[in-house]
Amino acid sequence: MGVAAGAAFGVALAVSSMMQPARAGGPLPYDGPAPPPNVSVAFLYNQFASASTFYTANGTKLGNTHIQTDVPVLRFVHTFSPIDGMPWGVQVIAPYVSFLGNQEVGGLSLSHQGGFAEPQLSAFLYPVNHPSQDETVVLAYFLSPPSGSYNPSIALNASTNNWVNNFEIGYMHKVFGQAKGKRLDLD
């Protein structure tokens, strides 16, 4: 009875997640290995993005586009003691968006406002965790409340002022190579 109920819940969760629009929650490559239990880790990293073309909703390509952002990201992860042998934890991801220079689409200057984007609040669970085989499956739920710096009168905002609610499944497995050397992973 318990296995059937668990399977039904899993199928319902999978089907409901497939019916949602695709929105990446932000796990980075090599986030696959399960962290050790009862550990807190704080990260600070930076992402830079640049665009020189823009496509309208109907597919028209607009050249003479210059959009550049610099996004420092603060991330905090805390893990807890495993539940039935499965590592789990929570994390908070807080990006700060800075627009660099003049922002243009099709040669027209756009108003822009930097600031904090919506934070991503997340919980994760590793139902499959085989470190000796470099194989993991991670289930992660992300919730982002509309709490970033948003101004409706500005064309480019750091924030969207929307609720983001998504479920992700990650799989990592070493295809060949050494754990601490050259290798090929499926991630």
N, C-alpha and C. Protein backbone atom coordinates (compact mmCIF):
# COMPACT_ATOMS: atom_id res chain seq x y z
N MET A 1 0.82 -1.20 0.00
CA MET A 1 0.00 0.00 0.00
C MET A 1 0.87 1.26 0.00
N GLY A 2 1.92 1.29 0.87
CA GLY A 2 2.80 2.45 0.96
C GLY A 2 3.57 2.67 -0.33
N VAL A 3 4.04 1.60 -0.98
CA VAL A 3 4.77 1.72 -2.24
C VAL A 3 3.86 2.25 -3.33
N ALA A 4 2.62 1.75 -3.40
CA ALA A 4 1.66 2.21 -4.40
C ALA A 4 1.33 3.69 -4.21
N ALA A 5 1.15 4.10 -2.96
CA ALA A 5 0.85 5.51 -2.67
C ALA A 5 2.04 6.39 -3.05
N GLY A 6 3.26 5.93 -2.73
CA GLY A 6 4.46 6.68 -3.09
C GLY A 6 4.62 6.80 -4.59
N ALA A 7 4.36 5.70 -5.31
CA ALA A 7 4.45 5.72 -6.77
C ALA A 7 3.41 6.67 -7.36
N ALA A 8 2.19 6.63 -6.84
CA ALA A 8 1.13 7.52 -7.33
C ALA A 8 1.50 8.99 -7.09
N PHE A 9 2.05 9.27 -5.92
CA PHE A 9 2.48 10.63 -5.60
C PHE A 9 3.59 11.06 -6.56
N GLY A 10 4.56 10.18 -6.82
CA GLY A 10 5.66 10.49 -7.72
C GLY A 10 5.18 10.78 -9.13
N VAL A 11 4.25 9.96 -9.62
CA VAL A 11 3.70 10.16 -10.97
C VAL A 11 2.94 11.49 -11.02
N ALA A 12 2.13 11.77 -10.01
CA ALA A 12 1.38 13.03 -9.98
C ALA A 12 2.32 14.23 -9.95
N LEU A 13 3.40 14.14 -9.17
CA LEU A 13 4.38 15.22 -9.09
C LEU A 13 5.08 15.41 -10.43
N ALA A 14 5.47 14.31 -11.08
CA ALA A 14 6.15 14.39 -12.37
C ALA A 14 5.23 15.00 -13.43
N VAL A 15 3.98 14.56 -13.48
CA VAL A 15 3.03 15.07 -14.47
C VAL A 15 2.76 16.55 -14.23
N SER A 16 2.58 16.94 -12.97
CA SER A 16 2.31 18.36 -12.70
C SER A 16 3.51 19.23 -13.04
N SER A 17 4.73 18.72 -12.83
CA SER A 17 5.90 19.52 -13.16
C SER A 17 6.07 19.66 -14.67
N MET A 18 5.64 18.66 -15.46
CA MET A 18 5.74 18.73 -16.91
C MET A 18 4.71 19.71 -17.49
N MET A 19 3.67 20.02 -16.76
CA MET A 19 2.63 20.91 -17.25
C MET A 19 2.96 22.38 -16.97
N GLN A 20 4.03 22.63 -16.24
CA GLN A 20 4.43 23.99 -15.91
C GLN A 20 5.36 24.54 -16.99
N PRO A 21 5.39 25.86 -17.19
CA PRO A 21 6.35 26.43 -18.14
C PRO A 21 7.77 26.15 -17.66
N ALA A 22 8.70 26.00 -18.59
CA ALA A 22 10.09 25.72 -18.23
C ALA A 22 10.75 26.98 -17.69
N ARG A 23 11.29 26.88 -16.50
CA ARG A 23 12.05 27.96 -15.89
C ARG A 23 13.20 27.33 -15.14
N ALA A 24 14.41 27.65 -15.52
CA ALA A 24 15.57 27.07 -14.85
C ALA A 24 15.72 27.68 -13.47
N GLY A 25 15.97 26.84 -12.50
CA GLY A 25 16.13 27.30 -11.13
C GLY A 25 17.55 27.69 -10.80
N GLY A 26 18.49 27.30 -11.60
CA GLY A 26 19.85 27.78 -11.41
C GLY A 26 20.87 26.82 -10.86
N PRO A 27 20.63 25.51 -10.73
CA PRO A 27 21.74 24.66 -10.30
C PRO A 27 22.86 24.76 -11.34
N LEU A 28 24.07 24.78 -10.87
CA LEU A 28 25.21 24.92 -11.76
C LEU A 28 25.76 23.55 -12.13
N PRO A 29 26.49 23.45 -13.24
CA PRO A 29 27.15 22.18 -13.55
C PRO A 29 28.05 21.78 -12.38
N TYR A 30 28.18 20.55 -12.14
CA TYR A 30 28.95 19.95 -11.05
C TYR A 30 28.32 20.20 -9.69
N ASP A 31 27.05 20.56 -9.65
CA ASP A 31 26.31 20.59 -8.40
C ASP A 31 25.83 19.18 -8.06
N GLY A 32 26.15 18.21 -8.90
CA GLY A 32 25.66 16.85 -8.73
C GLY A 32 26.07 16.14 -7.46
N PRO A 33 27.35 16.21 -7.04
CA PRO A 33 27.73 15.46 -5.84
C PRO A 33 26.98 15.95 -4.60
N ALA A 34 26.50 15.00 -3.81
CA ALA A 34 25.78 15.35 -2.58
C ALA A 34 26.76 15.93 -1.57
N PRO A 35 26.43 17.07 -0.97
CA PRO A 35 27.31 17.63 0.06
C PRO A 35 27.23 16.80 1.34
N PRO A 36 28.26 16.87 2.18
CA PRO A 36 28.23 16.13 3.44
C PRO A 36 27.13 16.67 4.37
N PRO A 37 26.63 15.84 5.29
CA PRO A 37 25.55 16.29 6.19
C PRO A 37 26.03 17.30 7.23
N ASN A 38 25.09 18.12 7.67
CA ASN A 38 25.31 19.09 8.76
C ASN A 38 26.44 20.08 8.45
N VAL A 39 26.41 20.62 7.24
CA VAL A 39 27.43 21.57 6.80
C VAL A 39 26.72 22.80 6.24
N SER A 40 27.29 23.97 6.49
CA SER A 40 26.83 25.22 5.88
C SER A 40 27.95 25.75 5.00
N VAL A 41 27.59 26.16 3.79
CA VAL A 41 28.58 26.70 2.86
C VAL A 41 28.02 27.98 2.25
N ALA A 42 28.85 29.02 2.21
CA ALA A 42 28.47 30.27 1.56
C ALA A 42 29.35 30.44 0.33
N PHE A 43 28.73 30.79 -0.81
CA PHE A 43 29.44 31.00 -2.06
C PHE A 43 29.24 32.45 -2.49
N LEU A 44 30.22 32.97 -3.18
CA LEU A 44 30.07 34.23 -3.88
C LEU A 44 30.70 34.02 -5.25
N TYR A 45 29.91 34.11 -6.29
CA TYR A 45 30.45 33.97 -7.64
C TYR A 45 29.84 35.03 -8.52
N ASN A 46 30.37 35.13 -9.73
CA ASN A 46 29.98 36.20 -10.63
C ASN A 46 29.64 35.64 -12.00
N GLN A 47 28.58 36.16 -12.60
CA GLN A 47 28.20 35.78 -13.95
C GLN A 47 28.14 37.05 -14.80
N PHE A 48 28.74 36.98 -15.98
CA PHE A 48 28.74 38.10 -16.90
C PHE A 48 28.00 37.65 -18.16
N ALA A 49 27.12 38.49 -18.70
CA ALA A 49 26.39 38.15 -19.92
C ALA A 49 26.39 39.35 -20.86
N SER A 50 26.43 39.04 -22.15
CA SER A 50 26.45 40.07 -23.17
C SER A 50 25.59 39.62 -24.35
N ALA A 51 24.83 40.53 -24.95
CA ALA A 51 24.01 40.21 -26.11
C ALA A 51 24.23 41.25 -27.19
N SER A 52 24.33 40.79 -28.45
CA SER A 52 24.51 41.72 -29.56
C SER A 52 23.37 41.61 -30.58
N THR A 53 22.41 40.70 -30.33
CA THR A 53 21.23 40.58 -31.18
C THR A 53 20.00 40.38 -30.31
N PHE A 54 18.86 40.75 -30.87
CA PHE A 54 17.60 40.61 -30.15
C PHE A 54 16.57 40.10 -31.15
N TYR A 55 15.76 39.14 -30.72
CA TYR A 55 14.69 38.61 -31.56
C TYR A 55 13.35 39.02 -30.97
N THR A 56 12.49 39.60 -31.79
CA THR A 56 11.16 40.00 -31.34
C THR A 56 10.29 38.76 -31.17
N ALA A 57 9.09 38.94 -30.63
CA ALA A 57 8.16 37.83 -30.40
C ALA A 57 7.79 37.12 -31.70
N ASN A 58 7.79 37.84 -32.83
CA ASN A 58 7.45 37.19 -34.11
C ASN A 58 8.68 36.68 -34.85
N GLY A 59 9.87 36.74 -34.22
CA GLY A 59 11.07 36.15 -34.82
C GLY A 59 11.95 37.09 -35.61
N THR A 60 11.62 38.38 -35.65
CA THR A 60 12.44 39.34 -36.38
C THR A 60 13.73 39.60 -35.60
N LYS A 61 14.85 39.52 -36.33
CA LYS A 61 16.16 39.74 -35.71
C LYS A 61 16.51 41.23 -35.77
N LEU A 62 16.85 41.79 -34.61
CA LEU A 62 17.26 43.20 -34.54
C LEU A 62 18.75 43.25 -34.21
N GLY A 63 19.53 43.79 -35.13
CA GLY A 63 20.96 43.99 -34.88
C GLY A 63 21.16 45.26 -34.09
N ASN A 64 22.39 45.73 -34.06
CA ASN A 64 22.74 46.96 -33.35
C ASN A 64 22.19 46.93 -31.92
N THR A 65 22.38 45.78 -31.27
CA THR A 65 21.92 45.57 -29.90
C THR A 65 23.13 45.43 -28.98
N HIS A 66 23.08 46.09 -27.85
CA HIS A 66 24.17 46.03 -26.87
C HIS A 66 23.56 45.94 -25.48
N ILE A 67 23.56 44.76 -24.91
CA ILE A 67 23.09 44.59 -23.54
C ILE A 67 24.16 43.81 -22.79
N GLN A 68 24.61 44.35 -21.68
CA GLN A 68 25.63 43.68 -20.87
C GLN A 68 25.22 43.75 -19.40
N THR A 69 25.37 42.61 -18.74
CA THR A 69 25.09 42.55 -17.30
C THR A 69 26.24 41.90 -16.57
N ASP A 70 26.43 42.33 -15.36
CA ASP A 70 27.37 41.73 -14.44
C ASP A 70 26.54 41.34 -13.22
N VAL A 71 26.56 40.04 -12.87
CA VAL A 71 25.66 39.56 -11.82
C VAL A 71 26.45 38.80 -10.74
N PRO A 72 26.82 39.49 -9.64
CA PRO A 72 27.37 38.74 -8.51
C PRO A 72 26.22 37.98 -7.83
N VAL A 73 26.50 36.75 -7.44
CA VAL A 73 25.49 35.89 -6.84
C VAL A 73 25.98 35.41 -5.48
N LEU A 74 25.17 35.64 -4.46
CA LEU A 74 25.45 35.12 -3.12
C LEU A 74 24.59 33.88 -2.95
N ARG A 75 25.21 32.79 -2.53
CA ARG A 75 24.49 31.53 -2.37
C ARG A 75 24.87 30.91 -1.04
N PHE A 76 23.87 30.48 -0.30
CA PHE A 76 24.08 29.83 0.99
C PHE A 76 23.39 28.46 0.95
N VAL A 77 24.14 27.41 1.30
CA VAL A 77 23.62 26.05 1.30
C VAL A 77 23.82 25.45 2.70
N HIS A 78 22.78 24.81 3.22
CA HIS A 78 22.90 24.09 4.49
C HIS A 78 22.33 22.69 4.32
N THR A 79 23.08 21.71 4.78
CA THR A 79 22.62 20.32 4.69
C THR A 79 22.29 19.81 6.09
N PHE A 80 21.44 18.77 6.12
CA PHE A 80 20.99 18.18 7.38
C PHE A 80 21.35 16.69 7.40
N SER A 81 21.11 16.05 8.51
CA SER A 81 21.33 14.61 8.61
C SER A 81 20.41 13.90 7.63
N PRO A 82 20.92 12.84 6.97
CA PRO A 82 20.11 12.13 5.97
C PRO A 82 18.81 11.57 6.53
N ILE A 83 17.81 11.51 5.64
CA ILE A 83 16.53 10.88 5.95
C ILE A 83 16.50 9.56 5.19
N ASP A 84 16.42 8.46 5.91
CA ASP A 84 16.47 7.13 5.28
C ASP A 84 17.66 7.00 4.33
N GLY A 85 18.81 7.55 4.74
CA GLY A 85 20.02 7.45 3.94
C GLY A 85 20.11 8.45 2.80
N MET A 86 19.13 9.34 2.67
CA MET A 86 19.12 10.31 1.56
C MET A 86 19.55 11.69 2.06
N PRO A 87 20.69 12.22 1.55
CA PRO A 87 21.11 13.58 1.92
C PRO A 87 20.08 14.61 1.46
N TRP A 88 19.93 15.67 2.25
CA TRP A 88 19.00 16.73 1.89
C TRP A 88 19.45 18.04 2.49
N GLY A 89 18.87 19.13 2.02
CA GLY A 89 19.24 20.42 2.55
C GLY A 89 18.40 21.54 1.95
N VAL A 90 18.81 22.75 2.27
CA VAL A 90 18.13 23.95 1.78
C VAL A 90 19.19 24.92 1.26
N GLN A 91 18.74 25.84 0.41
CA GLN A 91 19.67 26.85 -0.09
C GLN A 91 18.91 28.14 -0.41
N VAL A 92 19.65 29.24 -0.40
CA VAL A 92 19.15 30.54 -0.81
C VAL A 92 20.13 31.08 -1.84
N ILE A 93 19.61 31.52 -2.98
CA ILE A 93 20.44 32.09 -4.04
C ILE A 93 19.94 33.52 -4.26
N ALA A 94 20.84 34.49 -4.10
CA ALA A 94 20.46 35.91 -4.19
C ALA A 94 21.34 36.62 -5.22
N PRO A 95 20.84 36.82 -6.46
CA PRO A 95 21.61 37.53 -7.49
C PRO A 95 21.38 39.04 -7.44
N TYR A 96 22.43 39.79 -7.73
CA TYR A 96 22.36 41.24 -7.85
C TYR A 96 22.76 41.61 -9.27
N VAL A 97 21.88 42.26 -10.02
CA VAL A 97 22.10 42.55 -11.43
C VAL A 97 22.58 43.99 -11.61
N SER A 98 23.72 44.13 -12.31
CA SER A 98 24.21 45.46 -12.70
C SER A 98 24.25 45.53 -14.22
N PHE A 99 23.59 46.51 -14.81
CA PHE A 99 23.66 46.72 -16.25
C PHE A 99 24.89 47.58 -16.52
N LEU A 100 25.70 47.16 -17.49
CA LEU A 100 26.96 47.83 -17.78
C LEU A 100 26.82 48.72 -19.01
N GLY A 101 27.04 50.02 -18.84
CA GLY A 101 27.00 50.94 -19.96
C GLY A 101 25.60 51.20 -20.48
N ASN A 102 25.55 51.66 -21.73
CA ASN A 102 24.29 51.99 -22.38
C ASN A 102 23.65 50.69 -22.92
N GLN A 103 22.39 50.48 -22.65
CA GLN A 103 21.67 49.29 -23.11
C GLN A 103 20.84 49.68 -24.31
N GLU A 104 21.06 48.97 -25.46
CA GLU A 104 20.37 49.30 -26.70
C GLU A 104 19.80 48.05 -27.35
N VAL A 105 18.63 48.19 -27.97
CA VAL A 105 18.05 47.15 -28.82
C VAL A 105 17.69 47.82 -30.14
N GLY A 106 18.26 47.30 -31.23
CA GLY A 106 18.01 47.89 -32.54
C GLY A 106 18.48 49.33 -32.64
N GLY A 107 19.48 49.71 -31.87
CA GLY A 107 20.01 51.07 -31.88
C GLY A 107 19.28 52.04 -30.98
N LEU A 108 18.16 51.63 -30.39
CA LEU A 108 17.40 52.50 -29.49
C LEU A 108 17.84 52.26 -28.05
N SER A 109 18.12 53.33 -27.35
CA SER A 109 18.55 53.24 -25.96
C SER A 109 17.38 52.83 -25.07
N LEU A 110 17.64 51.92 -24.13
CA LEU A 110 16.61 51.45 -23.21
C LEU A 110 16.89 51.92 -21.79
N SER A 111 15.85 52.31 -21.09
CA SER A 111 16.02 52.64 -19.67
C SER A 111 16.29 51.32 -18.93
N HIS A 112 17.10 51.39 -17.90
CA HIS A 112 17.44 50.17 -17.17
C HIS A 112 17.68 50.49 -15.70
N GLN A 113 17.40 49.49 -14.87
CA GLN A 113 17.57 49.63 -13.43
C GLN A 113 18.12 48.32 -12.87
N GLY A 114 19.26 48.38 -12.25
CA GLY A 114 19.85 47.21 -11.62
C GLY A 114 19.27 47.02 -10.22
N GLY A 115 19.78 46.02 -9.56
CA GLY A 115 19.36 45.74 -8.19
C GLY A 115 19.21 44.24 -7.97
N PHE A 116 18.63 43.89 -6.85
CA PHE A 116 18.45 42.48 -6.54
C PHE A 116 17.33 41.88 -7.38
N ALA A 117 17.59 40.72 -7.94
CA ALA A 117 16.54 39.93 -8.59
C ALA A 117 15.85 39.13 -7.49
N GLU A 118 14.78 38.43 -7.85
CA GLU A 118 14.08 37.62 -6.85
C GLU A 118 15.04 36.57 -6.30
N PRO A 119 15.06 36.40 -4.98
CA PRO A 119 15.89 35.33 -4.42
C PRO A 119 15.26 33.98 -4.74
N GLN A 120 16.09 32.97 -4.86
CA GLN A 120 15.60 31.61 -5.06
C GLN A 120 15.73 30.86 -3.74
N LEU A 121 14.62 30.42 -3.20
CA LEU A 121 14.59 29.63 -1.98
C LEU A 121 14.39 28.19 -2.42
N SER A 122 15.23 27.29 -1.93
CA SER A 122 15.22 25.94 -2.47
C SER A 122 15.41 24.90 -1.38
N ALA A 123 14.81 23.74 -1.62
CA ALA A 123 15.05 22.54 -0.81
C ALA A 123 15.42 21.43 -1.79
N PHE A 124 16.35 20.56 -1.39
CA PHE A 124 16.79 19.49 -2.29
C PHE A 124 16.95 18.18 -1.53
N LEU A 125 16.84 17.08 -2.28
CA LEU A 125 16.93 15.73 -1.73
C LEU A 125 17.63 14.85 -2.74
N TYR A 126 18.54 13.98 -2.27
CA TYR A 126 19.26 13.05 -3.14
C TYR A 126 18.73 11.64 -2.91
N PRO A 127 17.70 11.20 -3.67
CA PRO A 127 17.19 9.84 -3.49
C PRO A 127 18.16 8.78 -4.01
N VAL A 128 19.05 9.14 -4.93
CA VAL A 128 20.11 8.24 -5.40
C VAL A 128 21.42 8.95 -5.13
N ASN A 129 22.29 8.29 -4.37
CA ASN A 129 23.58 8.89 -4.02
C ASN A 129 24.60 7.76 -3.91
N HIS A 130 25.35 7.54 -5.01
CA HIS A 130 26.37 6.49 -5.04
C HIS A 130 27.72 7.14 -5.34
N PRO A 131 28.39 7.72 -4.32
CA PRO A 131 29.66 8.42 -4.56
C PRO A 131 30.73 7.53 -5.18
N SER A 132 30.77 6.25 -4.83
CA SER A 132 31.80 5.36 -5.38
C SER A 132 31.63 5.18 -6.88
N GLN A 133 30.43 5.35 -7.38
CA GLN A 133 30.17 5.22 -8.82
C GLN A 133 29.96 6.58 -9.48
N ASP A 134 30.15 7.66 -8.71
CA ASP A 134 29.90 9.01 -9.22
C ASP A 134 28.53 9.11 -9.87
N GLU A 135 27.49 8.68 -9.15
CA GLU A 135 26.14 8.71 -9.69
C GLU A 135 25.20 9.29 -8.63
N THR A 136 24.46 10.32 -9.04
CA THR A 136 23.48 10.92 -8.13
C THR A 136 22.23 11.32 -8.91
N VAL A 137 21.12 11.34 -8.19
CA VAL A 137 19.88 11.94 -8.67
C VAL A 137 19.47 12.92 -7.59
N VAL A 138 19.21 14.16 -7.98
CA VAL A 138 18.81 15.17 -7.02
C VAL A 138 17.45 15.73 -7.43
N LEU A 139 16.56 15.86 -6.45
CA LEU A 139 15.26 16.49 -6.64
C LEU A 139 15.36 17.86 -5.96
N ALA A 140 15.02 18.90 -6.67
CA ALA A 140 15.13 20.25 -6.10
C ALA A 140 13.86 21.04 -6.39
N TYR A 141 13.39 21.74 -5.39
CA TYR A 141 12.22 22.61 -5.53
C TYR A 141 12.69 24.04 -5.31
N PHE A 142 12.29 24.94 -6.21
CA PHE A 142 12.67 26.35 -6.13
C PHE A 142 11.43 27.22 -6.04
N LEU A 143 11.47 28.19 -5.15
CA LEU A 143 10.40 29.16 -4.99
C LEU A 143 11.04 30.53 -4.94
N SER A 144 10.56 31.43 -5.80
CA SER A 144 11.06 32.80 -5.81
C SER A 144 9.90 33.76 -5.65
N PRO A 145 9.81 34.44 -4.52
CA PRO A 145 8.74 35.42 -4.33
C PRO A 145 9.06 36.72 -5.08
N PRO A 146 8.05 37.48 -5.49
CA PRO A 146 8.28 38.74 -6.22
C PRO A 146 8.78 39.83 -5.29
N SER A 147 10.04 39.73 -4.91
CA SER A 147 10.57 40.66 -3.92
C SER A 147 11.82 41.39 -4.39
N GLY A 148 12.12 41.32 -5.69
CA GLY A 148 13.30 42.00 -6.22
C GLY A 148 13.02 43.47 -6.49
N SER A 149 14.03 44.14 -7.03
CA SER A 149 13.90 45.57 -7.33
C SER A 149 13.29 45.71 -8.73
N TYR A 150 12.00 45.98 -8.78
CA TYR A 150 11.27 46.07 -10.04
C TYR A 150 10.61 47.43 -10.15
N ASN A 151 10.69 48.03 -11.34
CA ASN A 151 10.05 49.31 -11.60
C ASN A 151 9.31 49.18 -12.93
N PRO A 152 7.98 49.20 -12.95
CA PRO A 152 7.23 48.98 -14.20
C PRO A 152 7.47 50.05 -15.26
N SER A 153 8.00 51.20 -14.90
CA SER A 153 8.24 52.26 -15.89
C SER A 153 9.62 52.14 -16.54
N ILE A 154 10.40 51.13 -16.16
CA ILE A 154 11.74 50.93 -16.70
C ILE A 154 11.70 49.76 -17.69
N ALA A 155 12.38 49.88 -18.84
CA ALA A 155 12.35 48.83 -19.88
C ALA A 155 13.09 47.57 -19.43
N LEU A 156 14.30 47.71 -18.88
CA LEU A 156 15.09 46.56 -18.43
C LEU A 156 15.21 46.59 -16.92
N ASN A 157 14.71 45.57 -16.28
CA ASN A 157 14.76 45.47 -14.82
C ASN A 157 15.62 44.29 -14.39
N ALA A 158 16.15 44.38 -13.21
CA ALA A 158 16.89 43.25 -12.63
C ALA A 158 15.92 42.17 -12.19
N SER A 159 14.68 42.53 -12.00
CA SER A 159 13.68 41.65 -11.44
C SER A 159 12.48 41.54 -12.37
N THR A 160 11.68 40.49 -12.21
CA THR A 160 10.49 40.32 -13.05
C THR A 160 9.19 40.60 -12.30
N ASN A 161 9.27 40.70 -10.99
CA ASN A 161 8.09 40.92 -10.15
C ASN A 161 7.05 39.81 -10.31
N ASN A 162 7.51 38.58 -10.50
CA ASN A 162 6.64 37.41 -10.63
C ASN A 162 7.01 36.34 -9.62
N TRP A 163 6.03 35.54 -9.25
CA TRP A 163 6.30 34.33 -8.49
C TRP A 163 6.88 33.30 -9.44
N VAL A 164 7.96 32.66 -9.05
CA VAL A 164 8.51 31.55 -9.83
C VAL A 164 8.48 30.33 -8.91
N ASN A 165 7.92 29.26 -9.43
CA ASN A 165 7.69 28.06 -8.64
C ASN A 165 8.02 26.89 -9.56
N ASN A 166 9.14 26.19 -9.31
CA ASN A 166 9.47 25.08 -10.20
C ASN A 166 10.17 23.94 -9.47
N PHE A 167 10.03 22.79 -10.07
CA PHE A 167 10.60 21.54 -9.57
C PHE A 167 11.59 21.04 -10.60
N GLU A 168 12.77 20.62 -10.17
CA GLU A 168 13.78 20.12 -11.09
C GLU A 168 14.29 18.77 -10.64
N ILE A 169 14.68 17.98 -11.63
CA ILE A 169 15.32 16.69 -11.37
C ILE A 169 16.68 16.73 -12.05
N GLY A 170 17.73 16.45 -11.30
CA GLY A 170 19.07 16.42 -11.86
C GLY A 170 19.66 15.03 -11.77
N TYR A 171 20.42 14.65 -12.78
CA TYR A 171 21.08 13.35 -12.81
C TYR A 171 22.52 13.56 -13.20
N MET A 172 23.45 12.93 -12.49
CA MET A 172 24.86 13.00 -12.82
C MET A 172 25.45 11.61 -12.74
N HIS A 173 26.24 11.26 -13.76
CA HIS A 173 26.92 9.97 -13.76
C HIS A 173 28.21 10.09 -14.54
N LYS A 174 29.29 9.56 -13.97
CA LYS A 174 30.57 9.56 -14.67
C LYS A 174 30.51 8.51 -15.77
N VAL A 175 30.74 8.89 -17.02
CA VAL A 175 30.72 7.96 -18.14
C VAL A 175 32.05 7.21 -18.20
N PHE A 176 33.17 7.95 -18.17
CA PHE A 176 34.48 7.31 -18.06
C PHE A 176 35.49 8.33 -17.55
N GLY A 177 36.64 7.84 -17.11
CA GLY A 177 37.70 8.68 -16.58
C GLY A 177 37.85 8.50 -15.08
N GLN A 178 38.74 9.28 -14.51
CA GLN A 178 39.04 9.22 -13.08
C GLN A 178 38.28 10.30 -12.32
N ALA A 179 37.97 9.99 -11.08
CA ALA A 179 37.18 10.93 -10.27
C ALA A 179 37.87 12.29 -10.15
N LYS A 180 39.20 12.32 -10.00
CA LYS A 180 39.91 13.58 -9.83
C LYS A 180 40.85 13.85 -10.99
N GLY A 181 40.49 13.39 -12.17
CA GLY A 181 41.31 13.62 -13.34
C GLY A 181 40.44 13.93 -14.54
N LYS A 182 40.96 13.63 -15.72
CA LYS A 182 40.18 13.83 -16.93
C LYS A 182 39.05 12.83 -16.95
N ARG A 183 37.85 13.32 -17.29
CA ARG A 183 36.68 12.46 -17.25
C ARG A 183 35.58 13.05 -18.12
N LEU A 184 34.60 12.21 -18.41
CA LEU A 184 33.41 12.64 -19.14
C LEU A 184 32.21 12.30 -18.26
N ASP A 185 31.41 13.30 -17.98
CA ASP A 185 30.21 13.12 -17.15
C ASP A 185 28.95 13.34 -17.97
N LEU A 186 27.90 12.66 -17.59
CA LEU A 186 26.56 12.94 -18.08
C LEU A 186 25.89 13.71 -16.96
N ASP A 187 25.49 14.96 -17.22
CA ASP A 187 24.96 15.82 -16.16
C ASP A 187 23.65 16.40 -16.64
